[in-house]
Amino acid sequence: MNFRQTLSLSGRSDSVEDLEQRVADLELAVAEMRRHNLRLAELADVVQELLVPLASRDEERIRAAIDAFGESI
């Protein structure tokens, strides 16, 4: 039994072209999620850079972290 027969038997009428398009769409979605995850990691780093100086009341480091975040936007 070949791939097309398996698709027909499973009740799916997707053609190979449709499946290729779905894979391409999923690859784009994965790339977008990677960008979002990278940005989230960057924001987590900024929060960490802010919390440590805030806890130690280091105003100079607080200002530097806020400036760095402003430049990254």
C-alpha atoms as a PDB file:
ATOM      1  CA  MET A   1       0.000   0.000   0.000  1.00  0.00           C
ATOM      2  CA  ASN A   2       1.463   3.382  -0.936  1.00  0.00           C
ATOM      3  CA  PHE A   3       1.183   6.781   0.721  1.00  0.00           C
ATOM      4  CA  ARG A   4      -1.729   8.025  -1.410  1.00  0.00           C
ATOM      5  CA  GLN A   5      -3.729   4.859  -0.738  1.00  0.00           C
ATOM      6  CA  THR A   6      -3.091   5.269   2.977  1.00  0.00           C
ATOM      7  CA  LEU A   7      -4.417   8.828   2.815  1.00  0.00           C
ATOM      8  CA  SER A   8      -7.523   7.695   0.953  1.00  0.00           C
ATOM      9  CA  LEU A   9      -8.184   4.887   3.389  1.00  0.00           C
ATOM     10  CA  SER A  10      -7.844   7.177   6.379  1.00  0.00           C
ATOM     11  CA  GLY A  11     -10.671   9.354   5.105  1.00  0.00           C
ATOM     12  CA  ARG A  12      -8.350  12.265   4.343  1.00  0.00           C
ATOM     13  CA  SER A  13      -8.587  13.752   0.883  1.00  0.00           C
ATOM     14  CA  ASP A  14      -5.495  15.927   1.254  1.00  0.00           C
ATOM     15  CA  SER A  15      -3.309  15.860  -1.792  1.00  0.00           C
ATOM     16  CA  VAL A  16       0.436  15.789  -1.532  1.00  0.00           C
ATOM     17  CA  GLU A  17       0.461  19.465  -2.530  1.00  0.00           C
ATOM     18  CA  ASP A  18      -1.915  20.287   0.321  1.00  0.00           C
ATOM     19  CA  LEU A  19       0.304  18.433   2.757  1.00  0.00           C
ATOM     20  CA  GLU A  20       3.405  20.208   1.432  1.00  0.00           C
ATOM     21  CA  GLN A  21       1.634  23.545   1.979  1.00  0.00           C
ATOM     22  CA  ARG A  22       0.669  22.553   5.501  1.00  0.00           C
ATOM     23  CA  VAL A  23       4.289  21.646   6.256  1.00  0.00           C
ATOM     24  CA  ALA A  24       5.458  24.990   4.836  1.00  0.00           C
ATOM     25  CA  ASP A  25       2.881  26.816   6.972  1.00  0.00           C
ATOM     26  CA  LEU A  26       3.965  24.899  10.061  1.00  0.00           C
ATOM     27  CA  GLU A  27       7.616  25.718   9.370  1.00  0.00           C
ATOM     28  CA  LEU A  28       6.713  29.421   9.221  1.00  0.00           C
ATOM     29  CA  ALA A  29       4.810  29.111  12.484  1.00  0.00           C
ATOM     30  CA  VAL A  30       7.789  27.417  14.144  1.00  0.00           C
ATOM     31  CA  ALA A  31      10.105  30.191  12.930  1.00  0.00           C
ATOM     32  CA  GLU A  32       7.722  32.801  14.334  1.00  0.00           C
ATOM     33  CA  MET A  33       7.560  31.001  17.685  1.00  0.00           C
ATOM     34  CA  ARG A  34      11.363  30.911  17.790  1.00  0.00           C
ATOM     35  CA  ARG A  35      11.433  34.695  17.311  1.00  0.00           C
ATOM     36  CA  HIS A  36       8.866  35.121  20.095  1.00  0.00           C
ATOM     37  CA  ASN A  37      10.803  32.822  22.408  1.00  0.00           C
ATOM     38  CA  LEU A  38      14.017  34.738  21.729  1.00  0.00           C
ATOM     39  CA  ARG A  39      12.289  38.028  22.538  1.00  0.00           C
ATOM     40  CA  LEU A  40      10.821  36.518  25.703  1.00  0.00           C
ATOM     41  CA  ALA A  41      14.292  35.365  26.765  1.00  0.00           C
ATOM     42  CA  GLU A  42      15.629  38.866  26.122  1.00  0.00           C
ATOM     43  CA  LEU A  43      12.860  40.372  28.253  1.00  0.00           C
ATOM     44  CA  ALA A  44      13.537  37.862  31.033  1.00  0.00           C
ATOM     45  CA  ASP A  45      17.196  38.938  30.959  1.00  0.00           C
ATOM     46  CA  VAL A  46      16.171  42.592  31.252  1.00  0.00           C
ATOM     47  CA  VAL A  47      13.892  41.825  34.193  1.00  0.00           C
ATOM     48  CA  GLN A  48      16.708  39.950  35.887  1.00  0.00           C
ATOM     49  CA  GLU A  49      19.093  42.840  35.223  1.00  0.00           C
ATOM     50  CA  LEU A  50      16.573  45.162  36.874  1.00  0.00           C
ATOM     51  CA  LEU A  51      15.687  43.009  39.874  1.00  0.00           C
ATOM     52  CA  VAL A  52      19.231  42.424  41.106  1.00  0.00           C
ATOM     53  CA  PRO A  53      20.145  46.141  41.160  1.00  0.00           C
ATOM     54  CA  LEU A  54      16.743  47.015  42.654  1.00  0.00           C
ATOM     55  CA  ALA A  55      17.329  44.588  45.490  1.00  0.00           C
ATOM     56  CA  SER A  56      20.749  46.119  46.152  1.00  0.00           C
ATOM     57  CA  ARG A  57      19.522  49.695  45.505  1.00  0.00           C
ATOM     58  CA  ASP A  58      22.188  50.203  42.804  1.00  0.00           C
ATOM     59  CA  GLU A  59      20.738  53.238  40.986  1.00  0.00           C
ATOM     60  CA  GLU A  60      23.494  53.358  38.362  1.00  0.00           C
ATOM     61  CA  ARG A  61      22.912  49.755  37.272  1.00  0.00           C
ATOM     62  CA  ILE A  62      19.138  50.310  37.312  1.00  0.00           C
ATOM     63  CA  ARG A  63      19.463  53.289  34.962  1.00  0.00           C
ATOM     64  CA  ALA A  64      21.854  51.353  32.674  1.00  0.00           C
ATOM     65  CA  ALA A  65      19.453  48.403  32.459  1.00  0.00           C
ATOM     66  CA  ILE A  66      16.489  50.674  31.654  1.00  0.00           C
ATOM     67  CA  ASP A  67      18.519  52.462  28.979  1.00  0.00           C
ATOM     68  CA  ALA A  68      19.624  49.159  27.439  1.00  0.00           C
ATOM     69  CA  PHE A  69      16.016  47.965  27.331  1.00  0.00           C
ATOM     70  CA  GLY A  70      14.899  51.212  25.696  1.00  0.00           C
ATOM     71  CA  GLU A  71      17.525  50.792  22.990  1.00  0.00           C
ATOM     72  CA  SER A  72      16.488  47.190  22.293  1.00  0.00           C
ATOM     73  CA  ILE A  73      12.899  48.118  21.468  1.00  0.00           C
END
